Amino acid sequence: MDFAADDREIFDFWRLRRYGRSLPAPHDPTEQDLRSAVESLKSPLVEVRPGWFSVAEVKTSA
């Protein structure tokens, strides 16, 4: 994880791949695999800048 200028937590594919390789049972997905996964989660994720993603803000009604 990293932080955007507005202190929002963000991540990119490089960090996800690095994390996957560090697991006890390493996993090394391709960038295409990761992009497909992010695309399938389009609703809860937002691309804050090219290649960097964050959880979309949840709007609650008051």
N, C-alpha and C. Protein backbone atom coordinates (compact mmCIF):
# COMPACT_ATOMS: atom_id res chain seq x y z
N MET A 1 0.84 -1.17 0.00
CA MET A 1 0.00 0.00 0.00
C MET A 1 0.89 1.24 0.00
N ASP A 2 0.31 2.29 -0.49
CA ASP A 2 0.95 3.60 -0.48
C ASP A 2 -0.16 4.59 -0.17
N PHE A 3 0.16 5.85 -0.14
CA PHE A 3 -0.83 6.86 0.16
C PHE A 3 -0.84 7.93 -0.92
N ALA A 4 -2.04 8.35 -1.29
CA ALA A 4 -2.22 9.45 -2.24
C ALA A 4 -2.04 10.77 -1.49
N ALA A 5 -2.02 11.87 -2.23
CA ALA A 5 -1.86 13.19 -1.62
C ALA A 5 -2.97 13.49 -0.62
N ASP A 6 -4.15 12.90 -0.82
CA ASP A 6 -5.27 13.14 0.11
C ASP A 6 -5.32 12.10 1.24
N ASP A 7 -4.22 11.37 1.45
CA ASP A 7 -4.07 10.35 2.49
C ASP A 7 -4.90 9.09 2.25
N ARG A 8 -5.47 8.96 1.06
CA ARG A 8 -6.21 7.75 0.73
C ARG A 8 -5.21 6.62 0.47
N GLU A 9 -5.52 5.40 0.95
CA GLU A 9 -4.67 4.25 0.69
C GLU A 9 -4.84 3.83 -0.76
N ILE A 10 -3.72 3.63 -1.45
CA ILE A 10 -3.75 3.23 -2.85
C ILE A 10 -2.79 2.06 -3.06
N PHE A 11 -2.98 1.35 -4.17
CA PHE A 11 -2.08 0.25 -4.51
C PHE A 11 -1.93 0.17 -6.02
N ASP A 12 -0.86 -0.49 -6.43
CA ASP A 12 -0.63 -0.72 -7.85
C ASP A 12 -0.29 -2.18 -8.06
N PHE A 13 -0.20 -2.61 -9.31
CA PHE A 13 0.05 -4.02 -9.61
C PHE A 13 1.41 -4.48 -9.12
N TRP A 14 2.42 -3.63 -9.19
CA TRP A 14 3.76 -4.01 -8.74
C TRP A 14 3.71 -4.42 -7.27
N ARG A 15 3.03 -3.64 -6.45
CA ARG A 15 2.93 -3.97 -5.02
C ARG A 15 2.15 -5.27 -4.79
N LEU A 16 1.09 -5.49 -5.55
CA LEU A 16 0.34 -6.73 -5.41
C LEU A 16 1.18 -7.94 -5.80
N ARG A 17 1.93 -7.83 -6.89
CA ARG A 17 2.79 -8.94 -7.31
C ARG A 17 3.88 -9.19 -6.29
N ARG A 18 4.46 -8.14 -5.76
CA ARG A 18 5.50 -8.29 -4.75
C ARG A 18 4.95 -8.98 -3.51
N TYR A 19 3.76 -8.59 -3.08
CA TYR A 19 3.12 -9.23 -1.93
C TYR A 19 2.87 -10.72 -2.23
N GLY A 20 2.33 -11.00 -3.41
CA GLY A 20 2.04 -12.39 -3.78
C GLY A 20 3.28 -13.27 -3.75
N ARG A 21 4.41 -12.73 -4.19
CA ARG A 21 5.66 -13.50 -4.17
C ARG A 21 6.20 -13.71 -2.77
N SER A 22 5.77 -12.90 -1.80
CA SER A 22 6.28 -13.01 -0.43
C SER A 22 5.49 -14.01 0.42
N LEU A 23 4.39 -14.53 -0.11
CA LEU A 23 3.55 -15.45 0.65
C LEU A 23 4.25 -16.80 0.86
N PRO A 24 3.90 -17.54 1.92
CA PRO A 24 4.51 -18.85 2.15
C PRO A 24 4.35 -19.78 0.93
N ALA A 25 3.21 -19.70 0.27
CA ALA A 25 3.01 -20.40 -1.01
C ALA A 25 2.97 -19.31 -2.06
N PRO A 26 4.12 -18.91 -2.61
CA PRO A 26 4.18 -17.76 -3.51
C PRO A 26 3.21 -17.85 -4.68
N HIS A 27 2.69 -16.71 -5.04
CA HIS A 27 1.79 -16.58 -6.17
C HIS A 27 2.26 -15.38 -6.98
N ASP A 28 2.44 -15.56 -8.28
CA ASP A 28 2.95 -14.49 -9.13
C ASP A 28 2.02 -14.27 -10.32
N PRO A 29 0.89 -13.56 -10.08
CA PRO A 29 -0.05 -13.33 -11.18
C PRO A 29 0.54 -12.37 -12.22
N THR A 30 0.09 -12.50 -13.43
CA THR A 30 0.53 -11.57 -14.47
C THR A 30 -0.20 -10.25 -14.30
N GLU A 31 0.29 -9.22 -14.95
CA GLU A 31 -0.39 -7.93 -14.90
C GLU A 31 -1.79 -8.06 -15.50
N GLN A 32 -1.93 -8.87 -16.53
CA GLN A 32 -3.25 -9.07 -17.15
C GLN A 32 -4.21 -9.73 -16.16
N ASP A 33 -3.71 -10.73 -15.39
CA ASP A 33 -4.55 -11.37 -14.36
C ASP A 33 -5.03 -10.33 -13.35
N LEU A 34 -4.12 -9.46 -12.92
CA LEU A 34 -4.46 -8.44 -11.93
C LEU A 34 -5.44 -7.43 -12.52
N ARG A 35 -5.21 -7.02 -13.75
CA ARG A 35 -6.11 -6.06 -14.38
C ARG A 35 -7.51 -6.65 -14.51
N SER A 36 -7.60 -7.93 -14.88
CA SER A 36 -8.90 -8.59 -14.97
C SER A 36 -9.61 -8.62 -13.61
N ALA A 37 -8.84 -8.90 -12.56
CA ALA A 37 -9.42 -8.93 -11.21
C ALA A 37 -9.93 -7.54 -10.82
N VAL A 38 -9.14 -6.51 -11.10
CA VAL A 38 -9.56 -5.14 -10.78
C VAL A 38 -10.81 -4.77 -11.58
N GLU A 39 -10.84 -5.15 -12.85
CA GLU A 39 -12.01 -4.85 -13.68
C GLU A 39 -13.26 -5.52 -13.12
N SER A 40 -13.12 -6.72 -12.57
CA SER A 40 -14.28 -7.42 -12.01
C SER A 40 -14.75 -6.77 -10.71
N LEU A 41 -13.87 -5.97 -10.09
CA LEU A 41 -14.21 -5.27 -8.84
C LEU A 41 -14.44 -3.78 -9.09
N LYS A 42 -14.78 -3.42 -10.30
CA LYS A 42 -14.90 -2.01 -10.68
C LYS A 42 -15.77 -1.21 -9.72
N SER A 43 -16.82 -1.81 -9.20
CA SER A 43 -17.70 -1.08 -8.30
C SER A 43 -17.00 -0.64 -7.01
N PRO A 44 -16.35 -1.54 -6.27
CA PRO A 44 -15.73 -1.08 -5.02
C PRO A 44 -14.37 -0.42 -5.21
N LEU A 45 -13.78 -0.52 -6.42
CA LEU A 45 -12.47 0.08 -6.66
C LEU A 45 -12.57 1.23 -7.64
N VAL A 46 -11.65 2.16 -7.51
CA VAL A 46 -11.58 3.29 -8.43
C VAL A 46 -10.11 3.49 -8.80
N GLU A 47 -9.86 3.79 -10.07
CA GLU A 47 -8.49 4.07 -10.52
C GLU A 47 -8.24 5.55 -10.26
N VAL A 48 -7.38 5.86 -9.28
CA VAL A 48 -7.16 7.25 -8.88
C VAL A 48 -6.16 7.97 -9.76
N ARG A 49 -5.29 7.21 -10.39
CA ARG A 49 -4.39 7.70 -11.43
C ARG A 49 -3.97 6.46 -12.21
N PRO A 50 -3.45 6.60 -13.41
CA PRO A 50 -3.17 5.43 -14.23
C PRO A 50 -2.36 4.35 -13.48
N GLY A 51 -2.98 3.16 -13.37
CA GLY A 51 -2.31 2.04 -12.73
C GLY A 51 -2.37 2.00 -11.21
N TRP A 52 -3.01 2.98 -10.60
CA TRP A 52 -3.11 3.05 -9.13
C TRP A 52 -4.59 3.01 -8.74
N PHE A 53 -4.90 2.18 -7.75
CA PHE A 53 -6.29 1.93 -7.38
C PHE A 53 -6.52 2.16 -5.89
N SER A 54 -7.78 2.44 -5.56
CA SER A 54 -8.19 2.65 -4.18
C SER A 54 -9.63 2.16 -4.05
N VAL A 55 -10.04 1.99 -2.82
CA VAL A 55 -11.43 1.63 -2.56
C VAL A 55 -12.27 2.88 -2.78
N ALA A 56 -13.35 2.74 -3.53
CA ALA A 56 -14.24 3.87 -3.81
C ALA A 56 -14.88 4.35 -2.52
N GLU A 57 -15.12 5.64 -2.45
CA GLU A 57 -15.78 6.20 -1.28
C GLU A 57 -17.21 5.69 -1.21
N VAL A 58 -17.62 5.32 -0.02
CA VAL A 58 -18.98 4.86 0.19
C VAL A 58 -19.80 6.05 0.65
N LYS A 59 -20.85 6.33 -0.10
CA LYS A 59 -21.72 7.46 0.27
C LYS A 59 -22.89 6.92 1.07
N THR A 60 -23.09 7.49 2.22
CA THR A 60 -24.20 7.07 3.06
C THR A 60 -25.25 8.17 3.06
N SER A 61 -26.48 7.78 3.15
CA SER A 61 -27.55 8.79 3.20
C SER A 61 -27.80 9.15 4.65
N ALA A 62 -28.02 10.42 4.88
CA ALA A 62 -28.20 10.90 6.24
C ALA A 62 -29.65 11.13 6.53
